[in-house]
């Protein structure tokens, strides 16, 4: 009984964290993908937003990450501006690593990837 109550409480807290700012936009079975609409910045054909990934199994001790991404809507390119990696789900646990250095190179948002999916969702339609 206590275990069920504790599980329910943890699930409820987790739901609250996700619903507070993060919106789920994809799930590929290996990770659930979220973005934070409150961080969305649009400047002509460029979009900046925070993205969170919640992994279904640890990758090098990482169960979740958040990345600040910049998208070039017209050219369908993206680059990472900064990021953090955590040992627990939904940005919890220990911070394993972080980077404040933006990628110098832009990468193509390839068909069938979550990067292209998010770009198409967030970019102004006239780009």
N, C-alpha and C. Protein backbone atom coordinates (compact mmCIF):
# COMPACT_ATOMS: atom_id res chain seq x y z
N UNK A 1 0.83 -1.20 0.00
CA UNK A 1 0.00 0.00 0.00
C UNK A 1 0.87 1.26 0.00
N UNK A 2 1.90 1.28 0.89
CA UNK A 2 2.78 2.45 0.94
C UNK A 2 3.54 2.61 -0.36
N UNK A 3 3.96 1.50 -0.97
CA UNK A 3 4.71 1.56 -2.22
C UNK A 3 3.83 2.11 -3.33
N UNK A 4 2.56 1.67 -3.39
CA UNK A 4 1.65 2.19 -4.41
C UNK A 4 1.43 3.68 -4.22
N UNK A 5 1.25 4.10 -2.98
CA UNK A 5 1.04 5.52 -2.69
C UNK A 5 2.26 6.34 -3.11
N UNK A 6 3.46 5.84 -2.77
CA UNK A 6 4.68 6.52 -3.13
C UNK A 6 4.84 6.58 -4.64
N UNK A 7 4.55 5.48 -5.35
CA UNK A 7 4.64 5.46 -6.81
C UNK A 7 3.69 6.48 -7.43
N UNK A 8 2.48 6.55 -6.90
CA UNK A 8 1.50 7.50 -7.40
C UNK A 8 1.94 8.94 -7.16
N UNK A 9 2.52 9.18 -6.00
CA UNK A 9 3.00 10.52 -5.67
C UNK A 9 4.14 10.93 -6.61
N UNK A 10 5.08 10.01 -6.85
CA UNK A 10 6.18 10.30 -7.76
C UNK A 10 5.65 10.55 -9.17
N UNK A 11 4.72 9.73 -9.63
CA UNK A 11 4.14 9.92 -10.97
C UNK A 11 3.45 11.27 -11.06
N UNK A 12 2.74 11.67 -10.02
CA UNK A 12 2.04 12.94 -10.01
C UNK A 12 3.02 14.11 -10.06
N UNK A 13 4.10 14.01 -9.27
CA UNK A 13 5.12 15.06 -9.28
C UNK A 13 5.76 15.14 -10.66
N UNK A 14 6.09 13.98 -11.24
CA UNK A 14 6.69 13.94 -12.57
C UNK A 14 5.76 14.57 -13.59
N UNK A 15 4.47 14.26 -13.54
CA UNK A 15 3.51 14.87 -14.48
C UNK A 15 3.50 16.38 -14.33
N UNK A 16 3.53 16.84 -13.10
CA UNK A 16 3.52 18.27 -12.87
C UNK A 16 4.74 18.94 -13.45
N UNK A 17 5.92 18.31 -13.31
CA UNK A 17 7.13 18.88 -13.87
C UNK A 17 7.04 19.00 -15.38
N UNK A 18 6.55 17.94 -16.02
CA UNK A 18 6.47 17.94 -17.47
C UNK A 18 5.43 18.94 -17.95
N UNK A 19 4.30 19.01 -17.28
CA UNK A 19 3.22 19.87 -17.74
C UNK A 19 3.44 21.34 -17.41
N UNK A 20 4.36 21.63 -16.47
CA UNK A 20 4.59 23.01 -16.07
C UNK A 20 5.10 23.86 -17.23
N UNK A 21 6.14 23.40 -17.93
CA UNK A 21 6.72 24.16 -19.02
C UNK A 21 6.91 23.34 -20.28
N UNK A 22 7.21 22.07 -20.13
CA UNK A 22 7.61 21.23 -21.26
C UNK A 22 6.41 20.59 -21.94
N UNK A 23 6.40 20.64 -23.28
CA UNK A 23 5.36 19.98 -24.07
C UNK A 23 5.98 18.82 -24.83
N UNK A 24 5.39 17.64 -24.68
CA UNK A 24 5.87 16.48 -25.41
C UNK A 24 5.50 16.62 -26.89
N UNK A 25 6.46 16.33 -27.76
CA UNK A 25 6.16 16.38 -29.19
C UNK A 25 6.55 15.12 -29.94
N UNK A 26 7.27 14.20 -29.31
CA UNK A 26 7.64 12.97 -30.00
C UNK A 26 8.09 11.91 -29.00
N UNK A 27 7.98 10.65 -29.42
CA UNK A 27 8.45 9.51 -28.63
C UNK A 27 8.87 8.44 -29.62
N UNK A 28 10.15 8.09 -29.63
CA UNK A 28 10.62 7.08 -30.57
C UNK A 28 10.90 5.73 -29.91
N UNK A 29 10.44 5.56 -28.67
CA UNK A 29 10.65 4.32 -27.95
C UNK A 29 11.95 4.30 -27.17
N UNK A 30 12.91 5.10 -27.59
CA UNK A 30 14.19 5.19 -26.89
C UNK A 30 14.26 6.46 -26.03
N UNK A 31 13.49 7.47 -26.44
CA UNK A 31 13.45 8.73 -25.72
C UNK A 31 12.13 9.43 -25.99
N UNK A 32 11.70 10.23 -25.02
CA UNK A 32 10.55 11.10 -25.20
C UNK A 32 11.12 12.50 -25.36
N UNK A 33 10.61 13.24 -26.35
CA UNK A 33 11.12 14.55 -26.72
C UNK A 33 10.13 15.63 -26.29
N UNK A 34 10.65 16.69 -25.68
CA UNK A 34 9.84 17.81 -25.21
C UNK A 34 10.48 19.11 -25.67
N UNK A 35 9.69 20.17 -25.74
CA UNK A 35 10.23 21.51 -25.89
C UNK A 35 9.50 22.43 -24.94
N UNK A 36 10.14 23.54 -24.60
CA UNK A 36 9.57 24.51 -23.66
C UNK A 36 9.09 25.73 -24.45
N UNK A 37 7.79 25.87 -24.67
CA UNK A 37 7.28 26.99 -25.46
C UNK A 37 7.54 28.36 -24.83
N UNK A 38 7.77 28.40 -23.52
CA UNK A 38 8.03 29.69 -22.87
C UNK A 38 9.41 30.23 -23.21
N UNK A 39 10.28 29.37 -23.79
CA UNK A 39 11.64 29.81 -24.15
C UNK A 39 11.76 30.14 -25.62
N UNK A 40 10.69 30.02 -26.37
CA UNK A 40 10.72 30.20 -27.82
C UNK A 40 11.03 31.66 -28.18
N UNK A 41 12.07 31.84 -29.00
CA UNK A 41 12.45 33.16 -29.51
C UNK A 41 12.47 33.06 -31.02
N UNK A 42 11.74 33.94 -31.69
CA UNK A 42 11.70 33.96 -33.15
C UNK A 42 12.24 35.29 -33.63
N UNK A 43 13.23 35.23 -34.52
CA UNK A 43 13.82 36.43 -35.11
C UNK A 43 13.96 36.19 -36.60
N UNK A 44 13.00 36.68 -37.37
CA UNK A 44 12.94 36.47 -38.81
C UNK A 44 12.90 34.97 -39.12
N UNK A 45 13.94 34.42 -39.72
CA UNK A 45 13.90 32.99 -40.07
C UNK A 45 14.72 32.13 -39.11
N UNK A 46 15.04 32.66 -37.93
CA UNK A 46 15.77 31.89 -36.91
C UNK A 46 14.86 31.69 -35.69
N UNK A 47 14.94 30.49 -35.12
CA UNK A 47 14.17 30.15 -33.93
C UNK A 47 15.12 29.54 -32.90
N UNK A 48 14.99 29.98 -31.64
CA UNK A 48 15.75 29.41 -30.54
C UNK A 48 14.76 28.86 -29.53
N UNK A 49 15.06 27.66 -29.00
CA UNK A 49 14.15 27.01 -28.04
C UNK A 49 14.94 26.00 -27.20
N UNK A 50 14.45 25.71 -26.00
CA UNK A 50 15.01 24.64 -25.18
C UNK A 50 14.27 23.34 -25.49
N UNK A 51 15.04 22.27 -25.64
CA UNK A 51 14.50 20.92 -25.88
C UNK A 51 14.98 20.01 -24.75
N UNK A 52 14.10 19.12 -24.30
CA UNK A 52 14.46 18.13 -23.29
C UNK A 52 14.24 16.74 -23.84
N UNK A 53 15.17 15.84 -23.56
CA UNK A 53 15.02 14.42 -23.89
C UNK A 53 15.01 13.63 -22.61
N UNK A 54 14.07 12.70 -22.52
CA UNK A 54 13.97 11.81 -21.38
C UNK A 54 14.18 10.39 -21.92
N UNK A 55 15.33 9.81 -21.64
CA UNK A 55 15.71 8.52 -22.21
C UNK A 55 15.06 7.36 -21.46
N UNK A 56 14.75 6.28 -22.19
CA UNK A 56 14.13 5.11 -21.56
C UNK A 56 15.16 4.21 -20.90
N UNK A 57 16.45 4.43 -21.15
CA UNK A 57 17.54 3.69 -20.51
C UNK A 57 18.76 4.63 -20.47
N UNK A 58 19.65 4.43 -19.49
CA UNK A 58 20.79 5.34 -19.37
C UNK A 58 21.78 5.21 -20.52
N UNK A 59 22.28 6.33 -20.97
CA UNK A 59 23.35 6.41 -21.97
C UNK A 59 24.52 7.10 -21.29
N UNK A 60 25.58 6.36 -20.98
CA UNK A 60 26.72 6.91 -20.24
C UNK A 60 26.27 7.60 -18.95
N UNK A 61 25.41 6.94 -18.20
CA UNK A 61 24.84 7.40 -16.92
C UNK A 61 23.82 8.53 -17.08
N UNK A 62 23.49 8.92 -18.29
CA UNK A 62 22.55 10.02 -18.55
C UNK A 62 21.16 9.46 -18.81
N UNK A 63 20.17 9.97 -18.06
CA UNK A 63 18.77 9.60 -18.29
C UNK A 63 17.94 10.74 -18.87
N UNK A 64 18.48 11.96 -18.83
CA UNK A 64 17.76 13.09 -19.42
C UNK A 64 18.75 14.19 -19.77
N UNK A 65 18.31 15.04 -20.69
CA UNK A 65 19.16 16.16 -21.09
C UNK A 65 18.29 17.32 -21.55
N UNK A 66 18.87 18.50 -21.51
CA UNK A 66 18.19 19.65 -22.11
C UNK A 66 19.22 20.40 -22.94
N UNK A 67 18.77 20.85 -24.10
CA UNK A 67 19.65 21.51 -25.05
C UNK A 67 18.97 22.77 -25.57
N UNK A 68 19.71 23.85 -25.59
CA UNK A 68 19.21 25.09 -26.20
C UNK A 68 19.62 25.02 -27.66
N UNK A 69 18.62 25.03 -28.54
CA UNK A 69 18.85 24.84 -29.97
C UNK A 69 18.45 26.08 -30.75
N UNK A 70 19.19 26.28 -31.84
CA UNK A 70 18.86 27.35 -32.78
C UNK A 70 18.58 26.71 -34.13
N UNK A 71 17.47 27.09 -34.74
CA UNK A 71 17.07 26.57 -36.04
C UNK A 71 17.09 27.69 -37.07
N UNK A 72 17.63 27.38 -38.24
CA UNK A 72 17.55 28.27 -39.40
C UNK A 72 16.40 27.72 -40.24
N UNK A 73 15.26 28.38 -40.16
CA UNK A 73 14.04 27.86 -40.78
C UNK A 73 14.13 27.77 -42.29
N UNK A 74 14.67 28.79 -42.94
CA UNK A 74 14.73 28.83 -44.39
C UNK A 74 15.65 27.77 -44.97
N UNK A 75 16.76 27.49 -44.29
CA UNK A 75 17.74 26.53 -44.79
C UNK A 75 17.58 25.14 -44.18
N UNK A 76 16.65 24.99 -43.22
CA UNK A 76 16.42 23.74 -42.49
C UNK A 76 17.71 23.20 -41.88
N UNK A 77 18.37 24.09 -41.12
CA UNK A 77 19.59 23.76 -40.40
C UNK A 77 19.37 23.97 -38.91
N UNK A 78 20.23 23.37 -38.09
CA UNK A 78 20.18 23.60 -36.66
C UNK A 78 21.56 23.51 -36.07
N UNK A 79 21.70 24.07 -34.85
CA UNK A 79 22.92 23.90 -34.07
C UNK A 79 22.56 23.99 -32.60
N UNK A 80 23.39 23.35 -31.78
CA UNK A 80 23.21 23.39 -30.34
C UNK A 80 23.95 24.59 -29.78
N UNK A 81 23.27 25.34 -28.92
CA UNK A 81 23.88 26.51 -28.30
C UNK A 81 24.45 26.21 -26.93
N UNK A 82 23.80 25.32 -26.19
CA UNK A 82 24.27 24.89 -24.88
C UNK A 82 23.48 23.65 -24.48
N UNK A 83 23.94 22.98 -23.43
CA UNK A 83 23.23 21.79 -22.99
C UNK A 83 23.68 21.30 -21.63
N UNK A 84 22.81 20.49 -21.01
CA UNK A 84 23.10 19.87 -19.72
C UNK A 84 22.60 18.43 -19.75
N UNK A 85 23.32 17.56 -19.03
CA UNK A 85 22.99 16.13 -19.00
C UNK A 85 22.86 15.68 -17.56
N UNK A 86 21.77 14.92 -17.25
CA UNK A 86 21.43 14.56 -15.89
C UNK A 86 21.31 13.05 -15.71
N UNK A 87 21.61 12.59 -14.48
CA UNK A 87 21.58 11.16 -14.17
C UNK A 87 20.16 10.63 -13.96
N UNK A 88 19.21 11.51 -13.66
CA UNK A 88 17.84 11.09 -13.40
C UNK A 88 16.88 11.50 -14.51
N UNK A 89 15.65 11.00 -14.46
CA UNK A 89 14.64 11.38 -15.45
C UNK A 89 14.20 12.83 -15.28
N UNK A 90 13.76 13.43 -16.36
CA UNK A 90 13.18 14.78 -16.34
C UNK A 90 14.05 15.80 -15.63
N UNK A 91 15.35 15.78 -15.98
CA UNK A 91 16.33 16.76 -15.50
C UNK A 91 16.55 16.68 -14.00
N UNK A 92 16.44 15.48 -13.44
CA UNK A 92 16.66 15.29 -12.01
C UNK A 92 17.99 14.56 -11.78
N UNK A 93 18.32 14.38 -10.53
CA UNK A 93 19.55 13.67 -10.19
C UNK A 93 20.76 14.57 -10.34
N UNK A 94 21.92 13.94 -10.47
CA UNK A 94 23.17 14.69 -10.60
C UNK A 94 23.33 15.23 -12.01
N UNK A 95 23.92 16.41 -12.10
CA UNK A 95 24.28 16.94 -13.41
C UNK A 95 25.60 16.27 -13.81
N UNK A 96 25.55 15.48 -14.86
CA UNK A 96 26.71 14.72 -15.32
C UNK A 96 27.69 15.63 -16.05
N UNK A 97 27.18 16.47 -16.93
CA UNK A 97 28.04 17.40 -17.67
C UNK A 97 27.20 18.54 -18.23
N UNK A 98 27.90 19.56 -18.73
CA UNK A 98 27.22 20.71 -19.33
C UNK A 98 28.16 21.37 -20.32
N UNK A 99 27.57 22.09 -21.26
CA UNK A 99 28.35 22.84 -22.24
C UNK A 99 27.67 24.18 -22.49
N UNK A 100 28.46 25.23 -22.42
CA UNK A 100 27.95 26.57 -22.72
C UNK A 100 28.48 27.07 -24.06
N UNK A 101 29.20 26.22 -24.77
CA UNK A 101 29.79 26.62 -26.05
C UNK A 101 28.87 26.22 -27.20
N UNK A 102 28.49 27.19 -28.00
CA UNK A 102 27.64 26.92 -29.15
C UNK A 102 28.43 26.18 -30.23
N UNK A 103 27.75 25.26 -30.92
CA UNK A 103 28.36 24.60 -32.07
C UNK A 103 28.69 25.68 -33.11
N UNK A 104 29.86 25.59 -33.69
CA UNK A 104 30.23 26.53 -34.74
C UNK A 104 29.59 26.15 -36.06
N UNK A 105 29.47 24.87 -36.29
CA UNK A 105 28.92 24.36 -37.54
C UNK A 105 27.41 24.13 -37.43
N UNK A 106 26.69 24.48 -38.46
CA UNK A 106 25.27 24.17 -38.57
C UNK A 106 25.14 22.78 -39.16
N UNK A 107 24.11 22.04 -38.76
CA UNK A 107 23.84 20.70 -39.30
C UNK A 107 22.49 20.69 -39.99
N UNK A 108 22.37 19.83 -40.97
CA UNK A 108 21.11 19.70 -41.70
C UNK A 108 20.10 18.97 -40.82
N UNK A 109 18.89 19.49 -40.77
CA UNK A 109 17.77 18.81 -40.09
C UNK A 109 17.22 17.78 -41.08
N UNK A 110 17.66 16.55 -40.92
CA UNK A 110 17.40 15.48 -41.88
C UNK A 110 15.96 14.97 -41.78
N UNK A 111 15.39 14.63 -42.93
CA UNK A 111 14.04 14.06 -42.99
C UNK A 111 13.93 12.85 -42.05
N UNK A 112 12.84 12.79 -41.29
CA UNK A 112 12.60 11.68 -40.38
C UNK A 112 13.22 11.84 -39.01
N UNK A 113 13.90 12.97 -38.75
CA UNK A 113 14.50 13.19 -37.43
C UNK A 113 13.63 14.13 -36.60
N UNK A 114 13.83 14.08 -35.29
CA UNK A 114 13.09 14.96 -34.39
C UNK A 114 13.51 16.41 -34.60
N UNK A 115 14.76 16.64 -35.04
CA UNK A 115 15.18 18.02 -35.29
C UNK A 115 14.36 18.66 -36.40
N UNK A 116 14.12 17.93 -37.47
CA UNK A 116 13.28 18.48 -38.54
C UNK A 116 11.84 18.63 -38.07
N UNK A 117 11.35 17.66 -37.31
CA UNK A 117 9.99 17.73 -36.80
C UNK A 117 9.77 18.99 -35.96
N UNK A 118 10.72 19.27 -35.04
CA UNK A 118 10.58 20.44 -34.19
C UNK A 118 10.74 21.73 -35.01
N UNK A 119 11.67 21.75 -35.94
CA UNK A 119 11.86 22.90 -36.81
C UNK A 119 10.56 23.23 -37.54
N UNK A 120 9.93 22.23 -38.13
CA UNK A 120 8.69 22.46 -38.89
C UNK A 120 7.54 22.89 -37.99
N UNK A 121 7.54 22.42 -36.73
CA UNK A 121 6.49 22.82 -35.79
C UNK A 121 6.64 24.28 -35.36
N UNK A 122 7.88 24.73 -35.15
CA UNK A 122 8.11 26.01 -34.52
C UNK A 122 8.38 27.16 -35.48
N UNK A 123 8.86 26.86 -36.67
CA UNK A 123 9.21 27.93 -37.60
C UNK A 123 7.97 28.60 -38.18
N UNK A 124 8.08 29.92 -38.38
CA UNK A 124 6.98 30.61 -39.05
C UNK A 124 6.72 29.97 -40.41
N UNK A 125 5.48 29.89 -40.80
CA UNK A 125 5.10 29.17 -42.02
C UNK A 125 5.57 29.85 -43.30
N UNK A 126 5.97 31.11 -43.24
CA UNK A 126 6.41 31.79 -44.46
C UNK A 126 7.92 31.70 -44.68
N UNK A 127 8.63 30.88 -43.89
CA UNK A 127 10.09 30.75 -44.05
C UNK A 127 10.43 29.91 -45.26
